[in-house]
Amino acid sequence: PFFSPNGDNTNEQWIPTNLKEVYPDALVTIFDRYGKKLAQYRANEEDWDGTYEGKMMPSTDYWYEIDIEEIDKQYIGHFTLLRR
């Protein structure tokens, strides 16, 4: 999966498919490839726009951790941010 926050109104934010609708209270955490936490939010609150402290992050792979307390599951994976 990838997203491309470049102002064309397509794939502007990283949004896990159906997460908001099915598990709105899931905790989403985004990390860079070195394990630095870049964002953390509840699925029903916001989505990641590819920034950290107001600065655009570079094109590369990022990692996510999704904790869903109501079913006691954790999902870990990665996605690519593309800047053009």
PDB file of N, CA and C in Angstrom:
ATOM      1  N   PRO A   1       0.823  -1.198   0.000  1.00  0.00           N
ATOM      2  CA  PRO A   1       0.000   0.000   0.000  1.00  0.00           C
ATOM      3  C   PRO A   1       0.864   1.258   0.000  1.00  0.00           C
ATOM      4  N   PHE A   2       0.348   2.320  -0.560  1.00  0.00           N
ATOM      5  CA  PHE A   2       1.081   3.574  -0.585  1.00  0.00           C
ATOM      6  C   PHE A   2       0.101   4.733  -0.484  1.00  0.00           C
ATOM      7  N   PHE A   3       0.650   5.906  -0.192  1.00  0.00           N
ATOM      8  CA  PHE A   3      -0.134   7.125  -0.303  1.00  0.00           C
ATOM      9  C   PHE A   3       0.784   8.229  -0.777  1.00  0.00           C
ATOM     10  N   SER A   4       0.195   9.249  -1.384  1.00  0.00           N
ATOM     11  CA  SER A   4       0.996  10.288  -2.037  1.00  0.00           C
ATOM     12  C   SER A   4       0.440  11.671  -1.715  1.00  0.00           C
ATOM     13  N   PRO A   5       0.823  12.232  -0.557  1.00  0.00           N
ATOM     14  CA  PRO A   5       0.324  13.554  -0.171  1.00  0.00           C
ATOM     15  C   PRO A   5       0.989  14.659  -0.995  1.00  0.00           C
ATOM     16  N   ASN A   6       0.448  14.912  -2.195  1.00  0.00           N
ATOM     17  CA  ASN A   6       1.079  15.884  -3.092  1.00  0.00           C
ATOM     18  C   ASN A   6       0.121  16.965  -3.576  1.00  0.00           C
ATOM     19  N   GLY A   7      -1.057  17.060  -2.966  1.00  0.00           N
ATOM     20  CA  GLY A   7      -1.977  18.130  -3.304  1.00  0.00           C
ATOM     21  C   GLY A   7      -2.933  17.851  -4.446  1.00  0.00           C
ATOM     22  N   ASP A   8      -2.960  16.616  -4.967  1.00  0.00           N
ATOM     23  CA  ASP A   8      -3.862  16.312  -6.084  1.00  0.00           C
ATOM     24  C   ASP A   8      -5.209  15.740  -5.618  1.00  0.00           C
ATOM     25  N   ASN A   9      -5.434  15.734  -4.312  1.00  0.00           N
ATOM     26  CA  ASN A   9      -6.671  15.233  -3.695  1.00  0.00           C
ATOM     27  C   ASN A   9      -6.910  13.737  -3.886  1.00  0.00           C
ATOM     28  N   THR A  10      -5.872  12.980  -4.205  1.00  0.00           N
ATOM     29  CA  THR A  10      -5.959  11.526  -4.315  1.00  0.00           C
ATOM     30  C   THR A  10      -4.902  10.918  -3.403  1.00  0.00           C
ATOM     31  N   ASN A  11      -5.308  10.025  -2.514  1.00  0.00           N
ATOM     32  CA  ASN A  11      -4.377   9.378  -1.570  1.00  0.00           C
ATOM     33  C   ASN A  11      -3.568  10.393  -0.767  1.00  0.00           C
ATOM     34  N   GLU A  12      -4.220  11.439  -0.283  1.00  0.00           N
ATOM     35  CA  GLU A  12      -3.534  12.508   0.453  1.00  0.00           C
ATOM     36  C   GLU A  12      -3.159  12.107   1.876  1.00  0.00           C
ATOM     37  N   GLN A  13      -3.870  11.150   2.450  1.00  0.00           N
ATOM     38  CA  GLN A  13      -3.601  10.704   3.808  1.00  0.00           C
ATOM     39  C   GLN A  13      -3.554   9.191   3.837  1.00  0.00           C
ATOM     40  N   TRP A  14      -2.816   8.674   4.822  1.00  0.00           N
ATOM     41  CA  TRP A  14      -2.768   7.225   4.986  1.00  0.00           C
ATOM     42  C   TRP A  14      -3.942   6.814   5.855  1.00  0.00           C
ATOM     43  N   ILE A  15      -4.847   6.034   5.268  1.00  0.00           N
ATOM     44  CA  ILE A  15      -6.071   5.622   5.947  1.00  0.00           C
ATOM     45  C   ILE A  15      -6.226   4.108   5.809  1.00  0.00           C
ATOM     46  N   PRO A  16      -6.068   3.356   6.886  1.00  0.00           N
ATOM     47  CA  PRO A  16      -6.289   1.907   6.802  1.00  0.00           C
ATOM     48  C   PRO A  16      -7.739   1.605   6.393  1.00  0.00           C
ATOM     49  N   THR A  17      -7.922   0.769   5.418  1.00  0.00           N
ATOM     50  CA  THR A  17      -9.235   0.449   4.861  1.00  0.00           C
ATOM     51  C   THR A  17     -10.218  -0.036   5.930  1.00  0.00           C
ATOM     52  N   ASN A  18     -11.359   0.624   6.009  1.00  0.00           N
ATOM     53  CA  ASN A  18     -12.484   0.274   6.892  1.00  0.00           C
ATOM     54  C   ASN A  18     -12.187   0.347   8.384  1.00  0.00           C
ATOM     55  N   LEU A  19     -11.023   0.798   8.782  1.00  0.00           N
ATOM     56  CA  LEU A  19     -10.697   0.823  10.211  1.00  0.00           C
ATOM     57  C   LEU A  19     -11.626   1.757  10.979  1.00  0.00           C
ATOM     58  N   LYS A  20     -11.855   2.967  10.465  1.00  0.00           N
ATOM     59  CA  LYS A  20     -12.728   3.928  11.148  1.00  0.00           C
ATOM     60  C   LYS A  20     -14.136   3.385  11.346  1.00  0.00           C
ATOM     61  N   GLU A  21     -14.641   2.718  10.323  1.00  0.00           N
ATOM     62  CA  GLU A  21     -16.013   2.230  10.373  1.00  0.00           C
ATOM     63  C   GLU A  21     -16.170   1.024  11.299  1.00  0.00           C
ATOM     64  N   VAL A  22     -15.203   0.129  11.296  1.00  0.00           N
ATOM     65  CA  VAL A  22     -15.324  -1.114  12.053  1.00  0.00           C
ATOM     66  C   VAL A  22     -14.768  -0.993  13.472  1.00  0.00           C
ATOM     67  N   TYR A  23     -13.615  -0.344  13.616  1.00  0.00           N
ATOM     68  CA  TYR A  23     -12.971  -0.192  14.926  1.00  0.00           C
ATOM     69  C   TYR A  23     -12.564   1.265  15.135  1.00  0.00           C
ATOM     70  N   PRO A  24     -13.504   2.157  15.364  1.00  0.00           N
ATOM     71  CA  PRO A  24     -13.195   3.580  15.466  1.00  0.00           C
ATOM     72  C   PRO A  24     -12.266   3.948  16.619  1.00  0.00           C
ATOM     73  N   ASP A  25     -12.201   3.116  17.651  1.00  0.00           N
ATOM     74  CA  ASP A  25     -11.334   3.415  18.793  1.00  0.00           C
ATOM     75  C   ASP A  25      -9.952   2.778  18.686  1.00  0.00           C
ATOM     76  N   ALA A  26      -9.648   2.151  17.562  1.00  0.00           N
ATOM     77  CA  ALA A  26      -8.328   1.534  17.385  1.00  0.00           C
ATOM     78  C   ALA A  26      -7.246   2.603  17.503  1.00  0.00           C
ATOM     79  N   LEU A  27      -6.139   2.230  18.126  1.00  0.00           N
ATOM     80  CA  LEU A  27      -5.014   3.142  18.283  1.00  0.00           C
ATOM     81  C   LEU A  27      -4.018   2.882  17.160  1.00  0.00           C
ATOM     82  N   VAL A  28      -3.741   3.916  16.368  1.00  0.00           N
ATOM     83  CA  VAL A  28      -2.834   3.815  15.227  1.00  0.00           C
ATOM     84  C   VAL A  28      -1.548   4.563  15.560  1.00  0.00           C
ATOM     85  N   THR A  29      -0.408   3.906  15.365  1.00  0.00           N
ATOM     86  CA  THR A  29       0.888   4.532  15.589  1.00  0.00           C
ATOM     87  C   THR A  29       1.717   4.370  14.326  1.00  0.00           C
ATOM     88  N   ILE A  30       2.371   5.452  13.897  1.00  0.00           N
ATOM     89  CA  ILE A  30       3.208   5.460  12.696  1.00  0.00           C
ATOM     90  C   ILE A  30       4.657   5.667  13.123  1.00  0.00           C
ATOM     91  N   PHE A  31       5.564   4.869  12.539  1.00  0.00           N
ATOM     92  CA  PHE A  31       6.995   4.946  12.848  1.00  0.00           C
ATOM     93  C   PHE A  31       7.801   5.110  11.560  1.00  0.00           C
ATOM     94  N   ASP A  32       8.981   5.717  11.684  1.00  0.00           N
ATOM     95  CA  ASP A  32       9.894   5.715  10.547  1.00  0.00           C
ATOM     96  C   ASP A  32      10.685   4.410  10.565  1.00  0.00           C
ATOM     97  N   ARG A  33      11.567   4.237   9.620  1.00  0.00           N
ATOM     98  CA  ARG A  33      12.280   2.953   9.513  1.00  0.00           C
ATOM     99  C   ARG A  33      13.248   2.699  10.659  1.00  0.00           C
ATOM    100  N   TYR A  34      13.534   3.740  11.450  1.00  0.00           N
ATOM    101  CA  TYR A  34      14.425   3.580  12.600  1.00  0.00           C
ATOM    102  C   TYR A  34      13.653   3.353  13.894  1.00  0.00           C
ATOM    103  N   GLY A  35      12.323   3.342  13.809  1.00  0.00           N
ATOM    104  CA  GLY A  35      11.501   3.108  14.987  1.00  0.00           C
ATOM    105  C   GLY A  35      11.063   4.359  15.718  1.00  0.00           C
ATOM    106  N   LYS A  36      11.347   5.530  15.157  1.00  0.00           N
ATOM    107  CA  LYS A  36      10.926   6.782  15.786  1.00  0.00           C
ATOM    108  C   LYS A  36       9.425   6.975  15.582  1.00  0.00           C
ATOM    109  N   LYS A  37       8.710   7.252  16.674  1.00  0.00           N
ATOM    110  CA  LYS A  37       7.264   7.457  16.588  1.00  0.00           C
ATOM    111  C   LYS A  37       6.984   8.816  15.953  1.00  0.00           C
ATOM    112  N   LEU A  38       6.240   8.800  14.844  1.00  0.00           N
ATOM    113  CA  LEU A  38       5.922  10.024  14.116  1.00  0.00           C
ATOM    114  C   LEU A  38       4.507  10.518  14.384  1.00  0.00           C
ATOM    115  N   ALA A  39       3.596   9.601  14.660  1.00  0.00           N
ATOM    116  CA  ALA A  39       2.201   9.982  14.897  1.00  0.00           C
ATOM    117  C   ALA A  39       1.511   8.889  15.694  1.00  0.00           C
ATOM    118  N   GLN A  40       0.526   9.305  16.468  1.00  0.00           N
ATOM    119  CA  GLN A  40      -0.312   8.349  17.192  1.00  0.00           C
ATOM    120  C   GLN A  40      -1.695   8.978  17.342  1.00  0.00           C
ATOM    121  N   TYR A  41      -2.722   8.222  17.000  1.00  0.00           N
ATOM    122  CA  TYR A  41      -4.077   8.758  17.034  1.00  0.00           C
ATOM    123  C   TYR A  41      -5.095   7.622  17.044  1.00  0.00           C
ATOM    124  N   ARG A  42      -6.312   7.954  17.428  1.00  0.00           N
ATOM    125  CA  ARG A  42      -7.425   7.007  17.354  1.00  0.00           C
ATOM    126  C   ARG A  42      -7.980   7.050  15.932  1.00  0.00           C
ATOM    127  N   ALA A  43      -8.411   5.911  15.439  1.00  0.00           N
ATOM    128  CA  ALA A  43      -8.874   5.807  14.047  1.00  0.00           C
ATOM    129  C   ALA A  43      -9.998   6.786  13.726  1.00  0.00           C
ATOM    130  N   ASN A  44     -10.857   7.079  14.684  1.00  0.00           N
ATOM    131  CA  ASN A  44     -11.980   7.980  14.420  1.00  0.00           C
ATOM    132  C   ASN A  44     -11.616   9.452  14.568  1.00  0.00           C
ATOM    133  N   GLU A  45     -10.375   9.766  14.918  1.00  0.00           N
ATOM    134  CA  GLU A  45      -9.982  11.151  15.156  1.00  0.00           C
ATOM    135  C   GLU A  45      -9.315  11.810  13.957  1.00  0.00           C
ATOM    136  N   GLU A  46      -8.421  11.117  13.292  1.00  0.00           N
ATOM    137  CA  GLU A  46      -7.670  11.721  12.195  1.00  0.00           C
ATOM    138  C   GLU A  46      -6.997  10.636  11.371  1.00  0.00           C
ATOM    139  N   ASP A  47      -6.253  11.057  10.363  1.00  0.00           N
ATOM    140  CA  ASP A  47      -5.452  10.167   9.529  1.00  0.00           C
ATOM    141  C   ASP A  47      -4.074  10.802   9.412  1.00  0.00           C
ATOM    142  N   TRP A  48      -3.074  10.032   8.994  1.00  0.00           N
ATOM    143  CA  TRP A  48      -1.730  10.592   8.890  1.00  0.00           C
ATOM    144  C   TRP A  48      -1.547  11.263   7.540  1.00  0.00           C
ATOM    145  N   ASP A  49      -1.050  12.500   7.566  1.00  0.00           N
ATOM    146  CA  ASP A  49      -0.877  13.278   6.341  1.00  0.00           C
ATOM    147  C   ASP A  49       0.561  13.306   5.830  1.00  0.00           C
ATOM    148  N   GLY A  50       1.436  12.495   6.414  1.00  0.00           N
ATOM    149  CA  GLY A  50       2.815  12.435   5.947  1.00  0.00           C
ATOM    150  C   GLY A  50       3.718  13.505   6.521  1.00  0.00           C
ATOM    151  N   THR A  51       3.312  14.101   7.647  1.00  0.00           N
ATOM    152  CA  THR A  51       4.150  15.123   8.274  1.00  0.00           C
ATOM    153  C   THR A  51       4.542  14.702   9.685  1.00  0.00           C
ATOM    154  N   TYR A  52       5.597  15.342  10.176  1.00  0.00           N
ATOM    155  CA  TYR A  52       6.039  15.164  11.557  1.00  0.00           C
ATOM    156  C   TYR A  52       6.463  16.532  12.052  1.00  0.00           C
ATOM    157  N   GLU A  53       5.842  16.991  13.122  1.00  0.00           N
ATOM    158  CA  GLU A  53       6.091  18.314  13.684  1.00  0.00           C
ATOM    159  C   GLU A  53       5.985  19.397  12.614  1.00  0.00           C
ATOM    160  N   GLY A  54       4.979  19.243  11.737  1.00  0.00           N
ATOM    161  CA  GLY A  54       4.710  20.237  10.710  1.00  0.00           C
ATOM    162  C   GLY A  54       5.581  20.168   9.470  1.00  0.00           C
ATOM    163  N   LYS A  55       6.504  19.230   9.426  1.00  0.00           N
ATOM    164  CA  LYS A  55       7.402  19.104   8.273  1.00  0.00           C
ATOM    165  C   LYS A  55       7.042  17.869   7.457  1.00  0.00           C
ATOM    166  N   MET A  56       7.119  18.001   6.126  1.00  0.00           N
ATOM    167  CA  MET A  56       6.832  16.873   5.248  1.00  0.00           C
ATOM    168  C   MET A  56       7.918  15.813   5.378  1.00  0.00           C
ATOM    169  N   MET A  57       7.497  14.581   5.524  1.00  0.00           N
ATOM    170  CA  MET A  57       8.435  13.468   5.600  1.00  0.00           C
ATOM    171  C   MET A  57       8.790  13.020   4.182  1.00  0.00           C
ATOM    172  N   PRO A  58       9.988  12.449   4.010  1.00  0.00           N
ATOM    173  CA  PRO A  58      10.431  12.058   2.667  1.00  0.00           C
ATOM    174  C   PRO A  58       9.763  10.783   2.157  1.00  0.00           C
ATOM    175  N   SER A  59       9.877  10.572   0.855  1.00  0.00           N
ATOM    176  CA  SER A  59       9.407   9.331   0.231  1.00  0.00           C
ATOM    177  C   SER A  59      10.244   8.179   0.744  1.00  0.00           C
ATOM    178  N   THR A  60       9.595   7.218   1.357  1.00  0.00           N
ATOM    179  CA  THR A  60      10.252   6.010   1.855  1.00  0.00           C
ATOM    180  C   THR A  60       9.181   5.115   2.472  1.00  0.00           C
ATOM    181  N   ASP A  61       9.596   4.021   3.040  1.00  0.00           N
ATOM    182  CA  ASP A  61       8.662   3.132   3.729  1.00  0.00           C
ATOM    183  C   ASP A  61       8.499   3.564   5.180  1.00  0.00           C
ATOM    184  N   TYR A  62       7.293   3.404   5.692  1.00  0.00           N
ATOM    185  CA  TYR A  62       6.963   3.700   7.077  1.00  0.00           C
ATOM    186  C   TYR A  62       6.247   2.487   7.649  1.00  0.00           C
ATOM    187  N   TRP A  63       6.287   2.373   8.956  1.00  0.00           N
ATOM    188  CA  TRP A  63       5.693   1.226   9.646  1.00  0.00           C
ATOM    189  C   TRP A  63       4.511   1.684  10.470  1.00  0.00           C
ATOM    190  N   TYR A  64       3.537   0.807  10.617  1.00  0.00           N
ATOM    191  CA  TYR A  64       2.378   1.110  11.448  1.00  0.00           C
ATOM    192  C   TYR A  64       2.146  -0.007  12.452  1.00  0.00           C
ATOM    193  N   GLU A  65       1.496   0.389  13.522  1.00  0.00           N
ATOM    194  CA  GLU A  65       1.040  -0.543  14.544  1.00  0.00           C
ATOM    195  C   GLU A  65      -0.401  -0.142  14.832  1.00  0.00           C
ATOM    196  N   ILE A  66      -1.308  -1.083  14.711  1.00  0.00           N
ATOM    197  CA  ILE A  66      -2.716  -0.818  14.990  1.00  0.00           C
ATOM    198  C   ILE A  66      -3.140  -1.719  16.140  1.00  0.00           C
ATOM    199  N   ASP A  67      -3.529  -1.097  17.243  1.00  0.00           N
ATOM    200  CA  ASP A  67      -3.983  -1.827  18.424  1.00  0.00           C
ATOM    201  C   ASP A  67      -5.500  -1.722  18.515  1.00  0.00           C
ATOM    202  N   ILE A  68      -6.158  -2.883  18.505  1.00  0.00           N
ATOM    203  CA  ILE A  68      -7.618  -2.931  18.601  1.00  0.00           C
ATOM    204  C   ILE A  68      -7.960  -3.623  19.916  1.00  0.00           C
ATOM    205  N   GLU A  69      -8.221  -2.809  20.923  1.00  0.00           N
ATOM    206  CA  GLU A  69      -8.440  -3.323  22.273  1.00  0.00           C
ATOM    207  C   GLU A  69      -9.664  -4.215  22.382  1.00  0.00           C
ATOM    208  N   GLU A  70     -10.760  -3.865  21.684  1.00  0.00           N
ATOM    209  CA  GLU A  70     -12.001  -4.627  21.861  1.00  0.00           C
ATOM    210  C   GLU A  70     -11.922  -6.065  21.377  1.00  0.00           C
ATOM    211  N   ILE A  71     -10.962  -6.389  20.520  1.00  0.00           N
ATOM    212  CA  ILE A  71     -10.774  -7.790  20.106  1.00  0.00           C
ATOM    213  C   ILE A  71      -9.392  -8.304  20.510  1.00  0.00           C
ATOM    214  N   ASP A  72      -8.664  -7.487  21.282  1.00  0.00           N
ATOM    215  CA  ASP A  72      -7.348  -7.863  21.794  1.00  0.00           C
ATOM    216  C   ASP A  72      -6.401  -8.315  20.673  1.00  0.00           C
ATOM    217  N   LYS A  73      -6.292  -7.469  19.637  1.00  0.00           N
ATOM    218  CA  LYS A  73      -5.413  -7.767  18.499  1.00  0.00           C
ATOM    219  C   LYS A  73      -4.501  -6.585  18.217  1.00  0.00           C
ATOM    220  N   GLN A  74      -3.331  -6.909  17.683  1.00  0.00           N
ATOM    221  CA  GLN A  74      -2.393  -5.890  17.229  1.00  0.00           C
ATOM    222  C   GLN A  74      -1.928  -6.275  15.829  1.00  0.00           C
ATOM    223  N   TYR A  75      -1.942  -5.297  14.936  1.00  0.00           N
ATOM    224  CA  TYR A  75      -1.488  -5.514  13.566  1.00  0.00           C
ATOM    225  C   TYR A  75      -0.303  -4.605  13.296  1.00  0.00           C
ATOM    226  N   ILE A  76       0.725  -5.171  12.674  1.00  0.00           N
ATOM    227  CA  ILE A  76       1.940  -4.430  12.350  1.00  0.00           C
ATOM    228  C   ILE A  76       2.229  -4.637  10.871  1.00  0.00           C
ATOM    229  N   GLY A  77       2.619  -3.574  10.210  1.00  0.00           N
ATOM    230  CA  GLY A  77       2.937  -3.674   8.791  1.00  0.00           C
ATOM    231  C   GLY A  77       3.623  -2.412   8.312  1.00  0.00           C
ATOM    232  N   HIS A  78       3.753  -2.286   7.003  1.00  0.00           N
ATOM    233  CA  HIS A  78       4.396  -1.091   6.459  1.00  0.00           C
ATOM    234  C   HIS A  78       3.669  -0.621   5.204  1.00  0.00           C
ATOM    235  N   PHE A  79       3.962   0.604   4.827  1.00  0.00           N
ATOM    236  CA  PHE A  79       3.405   1.215   3.628  1.00  0.00           C
ATOM    237  C   PHE A  79       4.439   2.199   3.095  1.00  0.00           C
ATOM    238  N   THR A  80       4.214   2.682   1.894  1.00  0.00           N
ATOM    239  CA  THR A  80       5.152   3.598   1.247  1.00  0.00           C
ATOM    240  C   THR A  80       4.515   4.969   1.073  1.00  0.00           C
ATOM    241  N   LEU A  81       5.267   5.993   1.421  1.00  0.00           N
ATOM    242  CA  LEU A  81       4.873   7.367   1.155  1.00  0.00           C
ATOM    243  C   LEU A  81       5.597   7.788  -0.119  1.00  0.00           C
ATOM    244  N   LEU A  82       4.845   8.248  -1.119  1.00  0.00           N
ATOM    245  CA  LEU A  82       5.427   8.697  -2.389  1.00  0.00           C
ATOM    246  C   LEU A  82       5.244  10.194  -2.524  1.00  0.00           C
ATOM    247  N   ARG A  83       6.304  10.899  -2.811  1.00  0.00           N
ATOM    248  CA  ARG A  83       6.223  12.341  -3.107  1.00  0.00           C
ATOM    249  C   ARG A  83       6.678  12.529  -4.541  1.00  0.00           C
ATOM    250  N   ARG A  84       5.903  13.292  -5.295  1.00  0.00           N
ATOM    251  CA  ARG A  84       6.252  13.527  -6.706  1.00  0.00           C
ATOM    252  C   ARG A  84       6.295  14.988  -6.994  1.00  0.00           C
TER     253      ARG A  84
END
